[in-house]
Amino acid sequence: MRKPSLAEAKNRLHIADLWHLCNLPGEPRKSCRCPFHDDRSASFSIYADGLRWICFAGCGGGTAVDFVQQARGLSQANACRKLVRLAGGGLFTPPQPTRPAPRPEPPVAKVDLPNTTPGGKMDWRALARLRSVSTEAVALASKRGLLRFGRHAGHAAWFVTDGASHNAQARRMDGQRWAQIGGKKAWTICPRGNAKWPIGADATAPYRSVAFCEGGPDLLAAFHFIHAEGREDDCTAVAMLGAGLSIHDEALPRFDGKRIRIFGHSDESGAGDKAVQNWAWQLTRAGAEVDAFNFAGLTKQDGVRVKDLNDCTSISAADFEAKRDVRRMMP
């Protein structure tokens, strides 16, 4: 297994990635509070496409090496070695956020999806091409009751939903956006209060392990890796339909005793990392064993860095073999 060079590590790991891998307080942004001192004026800035940082209040600045050196109090040589070790991607334990007192949840109702079907081989192949996953993955999602096909707002669409019909989300089969809702890619269809219901929560009972992700494309990608690793008998996938949503209280008992790996989105806003922390907190409190996957250092075949689980289906063969913990992604 080849370790990345120092130069590769500097380019693979963004400052926002390192911020969370080092469990620093606050949220990394282009302009935010510095994690290295009691900052009340947002004196910290991330720039150069996320690869450099500076604190205007005197904590310093520079590359990923300088950030690790400051965060961990290391010598420069040890910070270089630490950065190279972190650059391979892999698993981490999400930090536990401070949570306010819970509010009562609205009751869960059912969503009506008229004139949809589980689809057939032609539908499965078309969606597999669209989302760069295997046809077997799409078929598996359909057979578990989490995927439907039909029409919505005048367009052929695919729907992620759950067997109990609590929640659903539609995306167009042509890959285009919904003009009717301001150009968004995904159209959530559910009664008020149901958006927090995890897709697939009602199908977890027979399975010991759960891949917990965000959005329909990552749900399909989870089934892609479940099939690739031969884990159909003991692993399933669940998806939240938005990073800003917490898990509905009524769904949480379904995860008691499960082995869960969270696959969040890696984005500069920090919303994906915050979602991972919140879901990990809820799932741990519900009695699950939880860790999360870090996409740092992974790139697709076109050289673009991996930001979510669906991107991992397009990872280069060399990257797939070289990175630790990637060959078996499922929990």
Protein backbone atom coordinates (compact mmCIF):
# COMPACT_ATOMS: atom_id res chain seq x y z
CA MET A 1 0.00 0.00 0.00
CA ARG A 2 1.71 3.19 -1.20
CA LYS A 3 1.73 6.18 1.12
CA PRO A 4 1.13 9.55 -0.52
CA SER A 5 4.07 11.90 -0.82
CA LEU A 6 4.11 15.08 1.25
CA ALA A 7 3.26 17.11 -1.88
CA GLU A 8 0.30 14.81 -2.61
CA ALA A 9 -0.88 15.05 0.99
CA LYS A 10 -0.84 18.87 0.87
CA ASN A 11 -3.02 18.85 -2.24
CA ARG A 12 -5.39 16.13 -1.08
CA LEU A 13 -6.29 17.46 2.35
CA HIS A 14 -8.19 20.72 2.49
CA ILE A 15 -7.96 22.86 5.62
CA ALA A 16 -11.65 22.13 6.33
CA ASP A 17 -10.89 18.37 6.25
CA LEU A 18 -8.02 18.79 8.70
CA TRP A 19 -10.09 21.01 10.98
CA HIS A 20 -12.58 18.17 11.57
CA LEU A 21 -9.98 15.39 11.60
CA CYS A 22 -8.25 17.29 14.42
CA ASN A 23 -11.61 17.70 16.25
CA LEU A 24 -11.23 21.48 16.50
CA PRO A 25 -14.14 23.60 17.76
CA GLY A 26 -16.29 25.70 15.45
CA GLU A 27 -16.98 25.43 11.73
CA PRO A 28 -14.37 26.01 8.97
CA ARG A 29 -15.34 28.60 6.38
CA LYS A 30 -13.74 31.16 4.10
CA SER A 31 -14.19 33.60 6.96
CA CYS A 32 -14.74 32.22 10.47
CA ARG A 33 -13.55 32.27 14.07
CA CYS A 34 -10.03 30.99 14.60
CA PRO A 35 -9.86 27.58 16.33
CA PHE A 36 -6.49 28.40 17.91
CA HIS A 37 -7.46 31.33 20.16
CA ASP A 38 -10.53 32.90 21.78
CA ASP A 39 -11.69 34.65 18.64
CA ARG A 40 -14.68 36.99 18.71
CA SER A 41 -14.19 38.72 15.36
CA ALA A 42 -13.90 35.98 12.70
CA SER A 43 -10.20 36.57 12.12
CA PHE A 44 -9.56 33.18 10.43
CA SER A 45 -9.68 32.74 6.66
CA ILE A 46 -9.40 29.69 4.35
CA TYR A 47 -8.34 30.49 0.79
CA ALA A 48 -6.53 29.14 -2.31
CA ASP A 49 -9.34 26.63 -3.01
CA GLY A 50 -9.25 25.45 0.60
CA LEU A 51 -5.54 24.59 0.66
CA ARG A 52 -4.19 27.56 2.67
CA TRP A 53 -5.18 29.42 5.84
CA ILE A 54 -4.36 32.54 7.81
CA CYS A 55 -5.27 33.99 11.20
CA PHE A 56 -5.18 37.78 11.08
CA ALA A 57 -4.99 37.94 14.87
CA GLY A 58 -1.50 36.44 14.98
CA CYS A 59 -1.83 32.64 15.14
CA GLY A 60 -0.06 32.29 11.82
CA GLY A 61 -0.98 30.77 8.50
CA GLY A 62 0.28 28.68 5.63
CA THR A 63 -0.30 25.20 4.24
CA ALA A 64 -1.82 22.02 5.62
CA VAL A 65 1.48 21.23 7.34
CA ASP A 66 1.41 24.52 9.24
CA PHE A 67 -2.22 23.89 10.22
CA VAL A 68 -1.46 20.42 11.63
CA GLN A 69 1.62 21.80 13.40
CA GLN A 70 -0.47 24.51 15.09
CA ALA A 71 -3.42 22.21 15.85
CA ARG A 72 -1.36 19.45 17.40
CA GLY A 73 1.63 21.37 18.80
CA LEU A 74 4.06 19.31 16.71
CA SER A 75 7.45 20.03 15.22
CA GLN A 76 7.37 20.65 11.49
CA ALA A 77 8.88 17.23 10.76
CA ASN A 78 6.27 15.44 12.89
CA ALA A 79 3.50 17.56 11.39
CA CYS A 80 4.63 16.41 7.92
CA ARG A 81 4.49 12.77 8.99
CA LYS A 82 1.07 13.27 10.61
CA LEU A 83 -0.28 14.91 7.45
CA VAL A 84 0.89 12.03 5.25
CA ARG A 85 -0.85 9.52 7.55
CA LEU A 86 -4.09 11.52 7.43
CA ALA A 87 -4.05 11.88 3.65
CA GLY A 88 -5.07 8.30 2.94
CA GLY A 89 -8.72 8.72 3.89
CA GLY A 90 -10.46 6.22 6.12
CA LEU A 91 -12.57 6.07 9.23
CA PHE A 92 -12.94 8.50 12.11
CA THR A 93 -15.13 8.96 15.16
CA PRO A 94 -17.31 12.06 14.73
CA PRO A 95 -17.09 14.60 17.56
CA GLN A 96 -20.24 14.89 19.66
CA PRO A 97 -21.99 18.26 19.27
CA THR A 98 -23.63 20.24 22.04
CA ARG A 99 -27.35 19.72 21.65
CA PRO A 100 -30.26 21.85 22.89
CA ALA A 101 -33.20 20.26 24.70
CA PRO A 102 -35.26 18.24 22.18
CA ARG A 103 -38.57 19.58 20.93
CA PRO A 104 -41.64 17.36 20.51
CA GLU A 105 -41.81 15.82 17.04
CA PRO A 106 -44.90 16.20 14.84
CA PRO A 107 -46.74 12.92 14.19
CA VAL A 108 -45.67 10.88 11.16
CA ALA A 109 -48.20 10.65 8.34
CA LYS A 110 -48.05 8.83 5.00
CA VAL A 111 -47.09 10.17 1.58
CA ASP A 112 -49.08 9.24 -1.51
CA LEU A 113 -47.08 8.19 -4.58
CA PRO A 114 -49.69 7.34 -7.20
CA ASN A 115 -48.83 5.51 -10.42
CA THR A 116 -45.31 4.46 -9.52
CA THR A 117 -43.75 1.03 -9.95
CA PRO A 118 -40.61 -0.79 -8.76
CA GLY A 119 -39.38 -0.55 -12.35
CA GLY A 120 -37.81 -3.24 -14.50
CA LYS A 121 -34.47 -3.99 -16.11
CA MET A 122 -34.69 -1.10 -18.59
CA ASP A 123 -35.43 1.40 -15.78
CA TRP A 124 -32.66 -0.05 -13.60
CA ARG A 125 -30.08 0.13 -16.39
CA ALA A 126 -31.03 3.72 -17.28
CA LEU A 127 -30.73 4.88 -13.67
CA ALA A 128 -27.47 2.95 -13.19
CA ARG A 129 -25.95 4.83 -16.16
CA LEU A 130 -27.26 8.15 -14.88
CA ARG A 131 -25.79 7.73 -11.38
CA SER A 132 -22.64 5.71 -12.27
CA VAL A 133 -23.62 2.72 -10.15
CA SER A 134 -24.13 -0.94 -10.99
CA THR A 135 -27.46 -2.19 -12.31
CA GLU A 136 -27.39 -4.71 -9.45
CA ALA A 137 -27.29 -1.83 -6.96
CA VAL A 138 -30.40 -0.22 -8.47
CA ALA A 139 -32.19 -3.57 -8.56
CA LEU A 140 -31.32 -4.18 -4.90
CA ALA A 141 -32.69 -0.78 -3.83
CA SER A 142 -35.88 -1.48 -5.79
CA LYS A 143 -36.34 -4.97 -4.36
CA ARG A 144 -35.97 -3.59 -0.81
CA GLY A 145 -38.81 -1.17 -1.48
CA LEU A 146 -36.71 2.00 -1.42
CA LEU A 147 -36.87 2.90 -5.11
CA ARG A 148 -39.82 3.60 -7.43
CA PHE A 149 -40.25 4.85 -10.99
CA GLY A 150 -42.98 6.97 -12.52
CA ARG A 151 -43.79 10.51 -13.59
CA HIS A 152 -43.75 13.71 -11.57
CA ALA A 153 -44.64 17.23 -12.72
CA GLY A 154 -44.66 16.08 -16.35
CA HIS A 155 -41.30 14.28 -16.34
CA ALA A 156 -40.11 10.70 -16.03
CA ALA A 157 -38.65 10.43 -12.53
CA TRP A 158 -37.09 8.09 -10.00
CA PHE A 159 -38.18 8.23 -6.38
CA VAL A 160 -36.42 7.17 -3.21
CA THR A 161 -38.98 6.27 -0.58
CA ASP A 162 -39.53 3.82 2.25
CA GLY A 163 -41.79 0.83 2.62
CA ALA A 164 -43.98 2.58 5.18
CA SER A 165 -44.54 5.55 2.81
CA HIS A 166 -43.43 8.18 5.32
CA ASN A 167 -41.14 10.17 3.01
CA ALA A 168 -40.14 10.38 -0.66
CA GLN A 169 -37.97 12.43 -3.00
CA ALA A 170 -38.12 12.68 -6.79
CA ARG A 171 -35.31 13.28 -9.29
CA ARG A 172 -35.65 13.50 -13.06
CA MET A 173 -34.53 10.54 -15.18
CA ASP A 174 -32.92 12.93 -17.66
CA GLY A 175 -30.70 14.33 -14.91
CA GLN A 176 -32.11 17.85 -15.27
CA ARG A 177 -33.38 20.14 -12.52
CA TRP A 178 -36.97 20.93 -11.50
CA ALA A 179 -37.89 24.38 -12.84
CA GLN A 180 -41.06 24.31 -10.74
CA ILE A 181 -39.09 24.47 -7.47
CA GLY A 182 -36.41 26.96 -8.40
CA GLY A 183 -34.04 24.69 -10.29
CA LYS A 184 -33.41 22.19 -7.50
CA LYS A 185 -32.28 18.66 -8.39
CA ALA A 186 -34.39 16.88 -5.77
CA TRP A 187 -38.09 17.36 -5.00
CA THR A 188 -39.12 16.12 -1.54
CA ILE A 189 -42.72 14.87 -1.44
CA CYS A 190 -44.09 14.30 2.04
CA PRO A 191 -46.54 15.67 4.61
CA ARG A 192 -45.30 18.42 6.91
CA GLY A 193 -42.94 17.03 9.52
CA ASN A 194 -42.05 13.88 7.58
CA ALA A 195 -38.90 15.21 5.85
CA LYS A 196 -36.88 14.08 8.88
CA TRP A 197 -37.86 10.44 8.35
CA PRO A 198 -34.83 8.44 7.08
CA ILE A 199 -35.41 6.58 3.83
CA GLY A 200 -34.94 2.88 4.59
CA ALA A 201 -35.38 3.11 8.36
CA ASP A 202 -38.29 0.67 8.23
CA ALA A 203 -36.20 -1.93 6.37
CA THR A 204 -33.33 -2.19 8.88
CA ALA A 205 -34.68 -4.95 11.12
CA PRO A 206 -33.09 -8.00 9.35
CA TYR A 207 -29.63 -6.38 9.05
CA ARG A 208 -26.79 -5.98 11.53
CA SER A 209 -25.00 -3.16 9.65
CA VAL A 210 -26.26 0.09 8.12
CA ALA A 211 -24.63 2.49 5.65
CA PHE A 212 -26.13 5.85 6.69
CA CYS A 213 -25.86 8.53 4.01
CA GLU A 214 -27.35 11.73 2.61
CA GLY A 215 -29.60 11.85 -0.45
CA GLY A 216 -30.86 9.49 -3.14
CA PRO A 217 -27.63 9.22 -5.19
CA ASP A 218 -25.61 8.21 -2.12
CA LEU A 219 -28.32 5.69 -1.19
CA LEU A 220 -27.81 4.00 -4.58
CA ALA A 221 -24.03 4.22 -4.13
CA ALA A 222 -24.32 2.47 -0.77
CA PHE A 223 -26.15 -0.42 -2.44
CA HIS A 224 -23.45 -0.39 -5.13
CA PHE A 225 -20.78 -1.12 -2.53
CA ILE A 226 -23.02 -3.50 -0.56
CA HIS A 227 -23.35 -5.60 -3.71
CA ALA A 228 -19.67 -5.22 -4.67
CA GLU A 229 -18.57 -6.47 -1.25
CA GLY A 230 -21.12 -9.32 -1.12
CA ARG A 231 -22.85 -7.83 1.92
CA GLU A 232 -26.48 -8.20 0.83
CA ASP A 233 -27.30 -10.59 3.70
CA ASP A 234 -26.09 -8.45 6.62
CA CYS A 235 -25.99 -4.82 5.44
CA THR A 236 -28.52 -2.27 4.21
CA ALA A 237 -28.58 1.44 3.40
CA VAL A 238 -30.48 4.39 4.87
CA ALA A 239 -30.56 8.00 3.67
CA MET A 240 -31.51 11.35 5.12
CA LEU A 241 -32.91 13.76 2.53
CA GLY A 242 -31.00 16.84 3.64
CA ALA A 243 -27.94 17.73 5.70
CA GLY A 244 -29.89 20.18 7.82
CA LEU A 245 -32.38 17.58 9.03
CA SER A 246 -32.13 15.66 12.29
CA ILE A 247 -33.43 12.10 12.50
CA HIS A 248 -37.11 11.83 13.46
CA ASP A 249 -37.47 10.64 17.06
CA GLU A 250 -39.90 7.88 16.08
CA ALA A 251 -37.32 6.38 13.69
CA LEU A 252 -34.43 6.21 16.18
CA PRO A 253 -35.42 2.95 17.97
CA ARG A 254 -34.94 1.14 14.63
CA PHE A 255 -31.19 1.70 14.92
CA ASP A 256 -30.72 0.30 18.43
CA GLY A 257 -27.94 -2.32 18.40
CA LYS A 258 -26.93 -1.63 14.78
CA ARG A 259 -23.40 -1.14 13.46
CA ILE A 260 -23.61 2.15 11.55
CA ARG A 261 -21.16 3.97 9.30
CA ILE A 262 -22.09 7.52 8.29
CA PHE A 263 -21.13 8.80 4.84
CA GLY A 264 -21.63 12.57 4.92
CA HIS A 265 -20.86 15.13 2.24
CA SER A 266 -17.48 16.86 2.19
CA ASP A 267 -18.15 20.51 1.38
CA GLU A 268 -16.44 23.81 2.13
CA SER A 269 -19.50 25.15 3.96
CA GLY A 270 -19.10 22.55 6.69
CA ALA A 271 -22.79 21.55 6.45
CA GLY A 272 -21.89 17.92 5.69
CA ASP A 273 -19.56 17.63 8.68
CA LYS A 274 -22.13 19.21 10.98
CA ALA A 275 -24.75 16.73 9.75
CA VAL A 276 -22.42 13.80 10.49
CA GLN A 277 -21.90 15.06 14.03
CA ASN A 278 -25.63 15.52 14.64
CA TRP A 279 -26.62 12.13 13.23
CA ALA A 280 -23.80 10.40 15.12
CA TRP A 281 -25.01 11.99 18.36
CA GLN A 282 -28.60 10.84 17.79
CA LEU A 283 -27.69 7.33 16.65
CA THR A 284 -25.26 6.78 19.52
CA ARG A 285 -27.90 7.89 22.00
CA ALA A 286 -30.31 5.44 20.35
CA GLY A 287 -27.95 2.54 21.11
CA ALA A 288 -26.04 2.18 17.82
CA GLU A 289 -22.31 1.67 17.35
CA VAL A 290 -21.28 4.55 15.08
CA ASP A 291 -18.30 5.72 13.06
CA ALA A 292 -17.99 7.85 9.91
CA PHE A 293 -16.06 7.78 6.65
CA ASN A 294 -13.62 10.49 5.63
CA PHE A 295 -13.23 11.19 1.89
CA ALA A 296 -10.04 13.23 2.32
CA GLY A 297 -7.37 12.34 -0.21
CA LEU A 298 -9.64 10.49 -2.65
CA THR A 299 -10.05 11.60 -6.27
CA LYS A 300 -12.24 10.50 -9.15
CA GLN A 301 -10.81 9.31 -12.45
CA ASP A 302 -11.06 12.85 -13.85
CA GLY A 303 -8.89 14.17 -11.00
CA VAL A 304 -11.74 15.93 -9.15
CA ARG A 305 -11.69 15.29 -5.42
CA VAL A 306 -14.34 12.98 -3.96
CA LYS A 307 -17.04 14.81 -2.01
CA ASP A 308 -19.58 12.05 -1.30
CA LEU A 309 -20.25 8.33 -1.54
CA ASN A 310 -21.66 8.52 -5.07
CA ASP A 311 -18.37 10.09 -6.22
CA CYS A 312 -16.58 6.98 -4.92
CA THR A 313 -18.17 4.88 -7.64
CA SER A 314 -16.01 6.86 -10.10
CA ILE A 315 -12.78 6.62 -8.14
CA SER A 316 -9.69 5.60 -10.09
CA ALA A 317 -8.60 1.96 -9.82
CA ALA A 318 -5.19 3.04 -8.48
CA ASP A 319 -6.79 5.16 -5.76
CA PHE A 320 -9.23 2.40 -4.88
CA GLU A 321 -6.38 -0.06 -4.31
CA ALA A 322 -4.01 2.37 -2.61
CA LYS A 323 -6.23 3.93 0.05
CA ARG A 324 -6.66 2.16 3.33
CA ASP A 325 -10.20 1.23 4.39
CA VAL A 326 -11.63 1.99 0.95
CA ARG A 327 -11.63 -1.53 -0.46
CA ARG A 328 -14.21 -2.47 2.15
CA MET A 329 -16.29 0.64 2.64
CA MET A 330 -19.36 -0.83 4.25
CA PRO A 331 -19.56 -1.22 8.06
